[in-house]
């Protein structure tokens, strides 16, 4: 039996981000800011709870045994039989919140699909191993074709993008800076403005 394990860095990130939405309104509500800003802040705890729900809905807890694949979602559990699997893609790009991320996709005969995200779980290799053992004939990943005649034309080059201008960085930093400047004039003390910056620093560790 193999159980999924969440990435610690991802759990810290989602905990801090949802905690920011839950705590920040109480800081602003106790300030001398305008009533309109306080009214907007009332919906932020709802967004924080939705963020937690969305994370565990798209990344449920998986359990693989000899007969079934079990996915535990918030307030729901789904059980699938190995024999009901139609196609498996061990490594495939899937859409995750407006971006493509690496995932293992399992498609069942009834059209239902589960995705095991590479960035959410820390033991993806272990889960892929048991999937390969139990349903090897359902794997549809294209096999790479390498010919010796083409190897002479291959040259070694190193490609690396700028981490500071990537989509994730711009999204996280932009959101944090927007929140920081939005609350700057609404709070009495200056230190809460560093909460989003601290959140960004933690995410950079991962």
C-alpha atoms as a PDB file:
ATOM      1  CA  UNK A   1       0.000   0.000   0.000  1.00  0.00           C
ATOM      2  CA  UNK A   2       1.256   3.464  -0.936  1.00  0.00           C
ATOM      3  CA  UNK A   3      -0.136   6.705   0.468  1.00  0.00           C
ATOM      4  CA  UNK A   4       0.472  10.159  -0.933  1.00  0.00           C
ATOM      5  CA  UNK A   5       2.602  12.607   1.023  1.00  0.00           C
ATOM      6  CA  UNK A   6       2.224  16.356   0.687  1.00  0.00           C
ATOM      7  CA  UNK A   7       5.223  18.557   0.040  1.00  0.00           C
ATOM      8  CA  UNK A   8       6.166  20.373   3.248  1.00  0.00           C
ATOM      9  CA  UNK A   9       7.078  23.558   1.382  1.00  0.00           C
ATOM     10  CA  UNK A  10       3.713  23.553  -0.370  1.00  0.00           C
ATOM     11  CA  UNK A  11       1.874  23.069   2.923  1.00  0.00           C
ATOM     12  CA  UNK A  12       3.776  25.975   4.484  1.00  0.00           C
ATOM     13  CA  UNK A  13       2.995  28.160   1.472  1.00  0.00           C
ATOM     14  CA  UNK A  14      -0.723  27.368   1.440  1.00  0.00           C
ATOM     15  CA  UNK A  15      -0.885  27.755   5.212  1.00  0.00           C
ATOM     16  CA  UNK A  16       0.717  31.190   5.150  1.00  0.00           C
ATOM     17  CA  UNK A  17      -1.318  32.416   2.210  1.00  0.00           C
ATOM     18  CA  UNK A  18      -4.649  31.294   3.637  1.00  0.00           C
ATOM     19  CA  UNK A  19      -3.599  32.562   7.069  1.00  0.00           C
ATOM     20  CA  UNK A  20      -2.865  35.943   5.519  1.00  0.00           C
ATOM     21  CA  UNK A  21      -6.413  36.151   4.203  1.00  0.00           C
ATOM     22  CA  UNK A  22      -7.816  35.086   7.578  1.00  0.00           C
ATOM     23  CA  UNK A  23      -5.733  37.320   9.873  1.00  0.00           C
ATOM     24  CA  UNK A  24      -5.323  40.481   7.816  1.00  0.00           C
ATOM     25  CA  UNK A  25      -8.982  41.545   8.035  1.00  0.00           C
ATOM     26  CA  UNK A  26      -8.865  41.537  11.853  1.00  0.00           C
ATOM     27  CA  UNK A  27      -5.847  43.858  11.762  1.00  0.00           C
ATOM     28  CA  UNK A  28      -7.595  46.293   9.458  1.00  0.00           C
ATOM     29  CA  UNK A  29     -10.932  46.057  11.276  1.00  0.00           C
ATOM     30  CA  UNK A  30      -9.217  47.279  14.463  1.00  0.00           C
ATOM     31  CA  UNK A  31      -7.674  50.247  12.666  1.00  0.00           C
ATOM     32  CA  UNK A  32      -9.025  53.728  11.968  1.00  0.00           C
ATOM     33  CA  UNK A  33      -9.492  53.084   8.254  1.00  0.00           C
ATOM     34  CA  UNK A  34     -12.651  53.975   6.308  1.00  0.00           C
ATOM     35  CA  UNK A  35     -15.737  51.807   6.668  1.00  0.00           C
ATOM     36  CA  UNK A  36     -15.676  50.985   2.961  1.00  0.00           C
ATOM     37  CA  UNK A  37     -12.258  49.324   3.260  1.00  0.00           C
ATOM     38  CA  UNK A  38     -13.413  47.404   6.317  1.00  0.00           C
ATOM     39  CA  UNK A  39     -16.443  46.170   4.427  1.00  0.00           C
ATOM     40  CA  UNK A  40     -14.252  44.789   1.638  1.00  0.00           C
ATOM     41  CA  UNK A  41     -12.024  43.068   4.186  1.00  0.00           C
ATOM     42  CA  UNK A  42     -14.962  41.061   5.496  1.00  0.00           C
ATOM     43  CA  UNK A  43     -14.860  38.786   2.442  1.00  0.00           C
ATOM     44  CA  UNK A  44     -11.162  37.944   2.811  1.00  0.00           C
ATOM     45  CA  UNK A  45     -11.680  35.137   5.387  1.00  0.00           C
ATOM     46  CA  UNK A  46     -14.044  33.525   2.883  1.00  0.00           C
ATOM     47  CA  UNK A  47     -11.325  33.719   0.239  1.00  0.00           C
ATOM     48  CA  UNK A  48      -8.849  32.173   2.675  1.00  0.00           C
ATOM     49  CA  UNK A  49     -11.135  29.210   3.347  1.00  0.00           C
ATOM     50  CA  UNK A  50     -11.802  28.837  -0.384  1.00  0.00           C
ATOM     51  CA  UNK A  51      -8.056  28.773  -1.035  1.00  0.00           C
ATOM     52  CA  UNK A  52      -7.640  25.868   1.404  1.00  0.00           C
ATOM     53  CA  UNK A  53     -10.604  24.041  -0.133  1.00  0.00           C
ATOM     54  CA  UNK A  54      -9.280  24.571  -3.671  1.00  0.00           C
ATOM     55  CA  UNK A  55      -5.826  23.275  -2.733  1.00  0.00           C
ATOM     56  CA  UNK A  56      -7.050  20.021  -1.196  1.00  0.00           C
ATOM     57  CA  UNK A  57      -9.754  19.617  -3.836  1.00  0.00           C
ATOM     58  CA  UNK A  58      -7.212  19.680  -6.664  1.00  0.00           C
ATOM     59  CA  UNK A  59      -4.676  17.755  -4.567  1.00  0.00           C
ATOM     60  CA  UNK A  60      -6.565  15.079  -2.612  1.00  0.00           C
ATOM     61  CA  UNK A  61      -5.013  12.381  -0.462  1.00  0.00           C
ATOM     62  CA  UNK A  62      -4.358   9.245  -2.506  1.00  0.00           C
ATOM     63  CA  UNK A  63      -4.076   5.655  -1.344  1.00  0.00           C
ATOM     64  CA  UNK A  64      -3.026   2.831  -3.665  1.00  0.00           C
ATOM     65  CA  UNK A  65      -3.537  -0.809  -2.648  1.00  0.00           C
ATOM     66  CA  UNK A  66      -3.729  -4.076  -4.559  1.00  0.00           C
ATOM     67  CA  UNK A  67      -7.352  -3.613  -5.633  1.00  0.00           C
ATOM     68  CA  UNK A  68      -8.334   0.044  -5.550  1.00  0.00           C
ATOM     69  CA  UNK A  69      -7.198   3.643  -5.969  1.00  0.00           C
ATOM     70  CA  UNK A  70      -8.741   5.836  -3.271  1.00  0.00           C
ATOM     71  CA  UNK A  71      -8.911   9.627  -3.504  1.00  0.00           C
ATOM     72  CA  UNK A  72      -9.966  11.507  -0.362  1.00  0.00           C
ATOM     73  CA  UNK A  73     -11.328  14.980  -1.109  1.00  0.00           C
ATOM     74  CA  UNK A  74     -12.724  17.490   1.409  1.00  0.00           C
ATOM     75  CA  UNK A  75     -16.023  15.991   2.599  1.00  0.00           C
ATOM     76  CA  UNK A  76     -15.862  13.269  -0.047  1.00  0.00           C
ATOM     77  CA  UNK A  77     -14.086  10.013  -0.854  1.00  0.00           C
ATOM     78  CA  UNK A  78     -13.920   8.283  -4.240  1.00  0.00           C
ATOM     79  CA  UNK A  79     -12.772   4.714  -4.842  1.00  0.00           C
ATOM     80  CA  UNK A  80     -11.674   3.444  -8.250  1.00  0.00           C
ATOM     81  CA  UNK A  81     -10.818  -0.072  -9.364  1.00  0.00           C
ATOM     82  CA  UNK A  82      -7.562  -0.771 -11.180  1.00  0.00           C
ATOM     83  CA  UNK A  83      -9.545  -2.655 -13.816  1.00  0.00           C
ATOM     84  CA  UNK A  84     -11.594   0.500 -14.572  1.00  0.00           C
ATOM     85  CA  UNK A  85      -8.543   2.411 -15.768  1.00  0.00           C
ATOM     86  CA  UNK A  86      -8.493   3.231 -19.469  1.00  0.00           C
ATOM     87  CA  UNK A  87      -5.371   5.358 -20.006  1.00  0.00           C
ATOM     88  CA  UNK A  88      -2.418   6.463 -17.883  1.00  0.00           C
ATOM     89  CA  UNK A  89       0.061   9.239 -18.575  1.00  0.00           C
ATOM     90  CA  UNK A  90       2.875   9.086 -16.038  1.00  0.00           C
ATOM     91  CA  UNK A  91       4.280  12.442 -17.111  1.00  0.00           C
ATOM     92  CA  UNK A  92       2.079  15.022 -18.766  1.00  0.00           C
ATOM     93  CA  UNK A  93       1.499  18.767 -18.722  1.00  0.00           C
ATOM     94  CA  UNK A  94      -1.896  19.624 -17.246  1.00  0.00           C
ATOM     95  CA  UNK A  95      -3.593  22.947 -16.580  1.00  0.00           C
ATOM     96  CA  UNK A  96      -3.448  24.062 -12.968  1.00  0.00           C
ATOM     97  CA  UNK A  97      -4.832  27.508 -12.191  1.00  0.00           C
ATOM     98  CA  UNK A  98      -3.954  29.158 -15.525  1.00  0.00           C
ATOM     99  CA  UNK A  99      -0.575  27.466 -15.877  1.00  0.00           C
ATOM    100  CA  UNK A 100       0.805  24.138 -17.089  1.00  0.00           C
ATOM    101  CA  UNK A 101       2.267  21.851 -14.445  1.00  0.00           C
ATOM    102  CA  UNK A 102       3.750  18.371 -14.475  1.00  0.00           C
ATOM    103  CA  UNK A 103       1.302  15.672 -13.407  1.00  0.00           C
ATOM    104  CA  UNK A 104       0.445  11.998 -13.638  1.00  0.00           C
ATOM    105  CA  UNK A 105      -2.984  11.605 -15.252  1.00  0.00           C
ATOM    106  CA  UNK A 106      -5.223   8.564 -14.788  1.00  0.00           C
ATOM    107  CA  UNK A 107      -8.282   8.346 -17.047  1.00  0.00           C
ATOM    108  CA  UNK A 108     -11.050   5.858 -16.270  1.00  0.00           C
ATOM    109  CA  UNK A 109     -13.498   4.149 -18.597  1.00  0.00           C
ATOM    110  CA  UNK A 110     -16.390   6.355 -17.445  1.00  0.00           C
ATOM    111  CA  UNK A 111     -14.453   9.474 -18.474  1.00  0.00           C
ATOM    112  CA  UNK A 112     -13.444  10.522 -14.966  1.00  0.00           C
ATOM    113  CA  UNK A 113      -9.874  11.697 -14.475  1.00  0.00           C
ATOM    114  CA  UNK A 114      -7.554  12.145 -11.534  1.00  0.00           C
ATOM    115  CA  UNK A 115      -4.321  14.118 -11.568  1.00  0.00           C
ATOM    116  CA  UNK A 116      -1.329  13.636  -9.308  1.00  0.00           C
ATOM    117  CA  UNK A 117       0.547  16.939  -9.336  1.00  0.00           C
ATOM    118  CA  UNK A 118       4.329  16.788  -9.197  1.00  0.00           C
ATOM    119  CA  UNK A 119       4.672  19.972  -7.123  1.00  0.00           C
ATOM    120  CA  UNK A 120       2.023  19.072  -4.529  1.00  0.00           C
ATOM    121  CA  UNK A 121       3.270  15.638  -3.476  1.00  0.00           C
ATOM    122  CA  UNK A 122       6.729  14.681  -2.280  1.00  0.00           C
ATOM    123  CA  UNK A 123       6.526  10.976  -3.194  1.00  0.00           C
ATOM    124  CA  UNK A 124       5.330  11.121  -6.804  1.00  0.00           C
ATOM    125  CA  UNK A 125       8.011   8.651  -7.883  1.00  0.00           C
ATOM    126  CA  UNK A 126       6.744   6.102  -5.372  1.00  0.00           C
ATOM    127  CA  UNK A 127       3.156   6.518  -6.562  1.00  0.00           C
ATOM    128  CA  UNK A 128       4.215   6.249 -10.215  1.00  0.00           C
ATOM    129  CA  UNK A 129       6.058   3.050  -9.411  1.00  0.00           C
ATOM    130  CA  UNK A 130       3.003   1.273  -8.013  1.00  0.00           C
ATOM    131  CA  UNK A 131       0.863   2.616 -10.877  1.00  0.00           C
ATOM    132  CA  UNK A 132       3.349   1.151 -13.357  1.00  0.00           C
ATOM    133  CA  UNK A 133       3.265  -2.182 -11.538  1.00  0.00           C
ATOM    134  CA  UNK A 134      -0.529  -2.452 -11.338  1.00  0.00           C
ATOM    135  CA  UNK A 135      -1.477  -1.085 -14.761  1.00  0.00           C
ATOM    136  CA  UNK A 136       1.557  -1.271 -17.018  1.00  0.00           C
ATOM    137  CA  UNK A 137      -0.544  -2.101 -20.082  1.00  0.00           C
ATOM    138  CA  UNK A 138      -2.572   1.121 -19.680  1.00  0.00           C
ATOM    139  CA  UNK A 139       0.397   3.492 -19.858  1.00  0.00           C
ATOM    140  CA  UNK A 140       0.205   5.712 -22.936  1.00  0.00           C
ATOM    141  CA  UNK A 141       3.328   7.840 -22.593  1.00  0.00           C
ATOM    142  CA  UNK A 142       5.115   8.099 -25.955  1.00  0.00           C
ATOM    143  CA  UNK A 143       8.458   6.333 -25.959  1.00  0.00           C
ATOM    144  CA  UNK A 144      11.385   8.517 -27.057  1.00  0.00           C
ATOM    145  CA  UNK A 145      13.169   7.399 -30.183  1.00  0.00           C
ATOM    146  CA  UNK A 146      16.913   7.951 -30.261  1.00  0.00           C
ATOM    147  CA  UNK A 147      19.009   7.067 -33.299  1.00  0.00           C
ATOM    148  CA  UNK A 148      22.779   6.901 -33.163  1.00  0.00           C
ATOM    149  CA  UNK A 149      23.008   8.763 -36.474  1.00  0.00           C
ATOM    150  CA  UNK A 150      21.432  11.833 -34.891  1.00  0.00           C
ATOM    151  CA  UNK A 151      23.617  11.931 -31.786  1.00  0.00           C
ATOM    152  CA  UNK A 152      26.524  13.558 -33.647  1.00  0.00           C
ATOM    153  CA  UNK A 153      24.365  16.621 -34.322  1.00  0.00           C
ATOM    154  CA  UNK A 154      23.522  17.102 -30.643  1.00  0.00           C
ATOM    155  CA  UNK A 155      25.466  19.834 -28.897  1.00  0.00           C
ATOM    156  CA  UNK A 156      25.557  20.563 -25.184  1.00  0.00           C
ATOM    157  CA  UNK A 157      23.814  23.788 -24.288  1.00  0.00           C
ATOM    158  CA  UNK A 158      22.550  25.049 -21.005  1.00  0.00           C
ATOM    159  CA  UNK A 159      19.217  26.836 -20.884  1.00  0.00           C
ATOM    160  CA  UNK A 160      18.001  28.566 -17.759  1.00  0.00           C
ATOM    161  CA  UNK A 161      15.253  31.093 -17.385  1.00  0.00           C
ATOM    162  CA  UNK A 162      15.234  34.101 -15.130  1.00  0.00           C
ATOM    163  CA  UNK A 163      13.521  33.001 -11.913  1.00  0.00           C
ATOM    164  CA  UNK A 164      12.696  36.627 -11.010  1.00  0.00           C
ATOM    165  CA  UNK A 165      10.627  37.155 -14.183  1.00  0.00           C
ATOM    166  CA  UNK A 166       8.828  33.789 -14.195  1.00  0.00           C
ATOM    167  CA  UNK A 167       5.039  33.569 -14.133  1.00  0.00           C
ATOM    168  CA  UNK A 168       4.896  32.289 -10.547  1.00  0.00           C
ATOM    169  CA  UNK A 169       7.242  34.966  -9.227  1.00  0.00           C
ATOM    170  CA  UNK A 170       5.449  37.847 -10.925  1.00  0.00           C
ATOM    171  CA  UNK A 171       2.070  36.546  -9.753  1.00  0.00           C
ATOM    172  CA  UNK A 172       3.113  36.082  -6.123  1.00  0.00           C
ATOM    173  CA  UNK A 173       5.194  39.244  -5.828  1.00  0.00           C
ATOM    174  CA  UNK A 174       2.601  41.325  -7.665  1.00  0.00           C
ATOM    175  CA  UNK A 175      -0.210  40.099  -5.442  1.00  0.00           C
ATOM    176  CA  UNK A 176       1.802  40.667  -2.267  1.00  0.00           C
ATOM    177  CA  UNK A 177       2.885  44.172  -3.270  1.00  0.00           C
ATOM    178  CA  UNK A 178      -0.677  45.041  -4.242  1.00  0.00           C
ATOM    179  CA  UNK A 179      -1.953  43.915  -0.855  1.00  0.00           C
ATOM    180  CA  UNK A 180       0.861  45.707   0.959  1.00  0.00           C
ATOM    181  CA  UNK A 181       0.175  49.062  -0.692  1.00  0.00           C
ATOM    182  CA  UNK A 182      -3.570  48.563  -0.363  1.00  0.00           C
ATOM    183  CA  UNK A 183      -3.409  48.253   3.407  1.00  0.00           C
ATOM    184  CA  UNK A 184      -0.653  50.827   3.900  1.00  0.00           C
ATOM    185  CA  UNK A 185      -3.030  53.691   4.592  1.00  0.00           C
ATOM    186  CA  UNK A 186      -5.612  51.623   6.435  1.00  0.00           C
ATOM    187  CA  UNK A 187      -3.652  50.411   9.446  1.00  0.00           C
ATOM    188  CA  UNK A 188      -2.349  52.212  12.469  1.00  0.00           C
ATOM    189  CA  UNK A 189       0.908  50.291  12.873  1.00  0.00           C
ATOM    190  CA  UNK A 190       3.423  49.835  10.107  1.00  0.00           C
ATOM    191  CA  UNK A 191       4.623  46.323  10.818  1.00  0.00           C
ATOM    192  CA  UNK A 192       1.642  44.388   9.325  1.00  0.00           C
ATOM    193  CA  UNK A 193       2.659  45.604   5.895  1.00  0.00           C
ATOM    194  CA  UNK A 194       5.593  43.175   6.061  1.00  0.00           C
ATOM    195  CA  UNK A 195       3.297  40.145   6.340  1.00  0.00           C
ATOM    196  CA  UNK A 196       2.990  39.712   2.541  1.00  0.00           C
ATOM    197  CA  UNK A 197       6.737  40.229   2.110  1.00  0.00           C
ATOM    198  CA  UNK A 198       7.442  37.491   4.665  1.00  0.00           C
ATOM    199  CA  UNK A 199       5.035  35.252   2.770  1.00  0.00           C
ATOM    200  CA  UNK A 200       6.965  35.836  -0.457  1.00  0.00           C
ATOM    201  CA  UNK A 201      10.302  35.032   1.202  1.00  0.00           C
ATOM    202  CA  UNK A 202       8.982  31.709   2.449  1.00  0.00           C
ATOM    203  CA  UNK A 203       7.780  30.770  -1.047  1.00  0.00           C
ATOM    204  CA  UNK A 204      11.203  31.554  -2.516  1.00  0.00           C
ATOM    205  CA  UNK A 205      12.694  28.830  -0.307  1.00  0.00           C
ATOM    206  CA  UNK A 206      10.756  26.249  -2.331  1.00  0.00           C
END
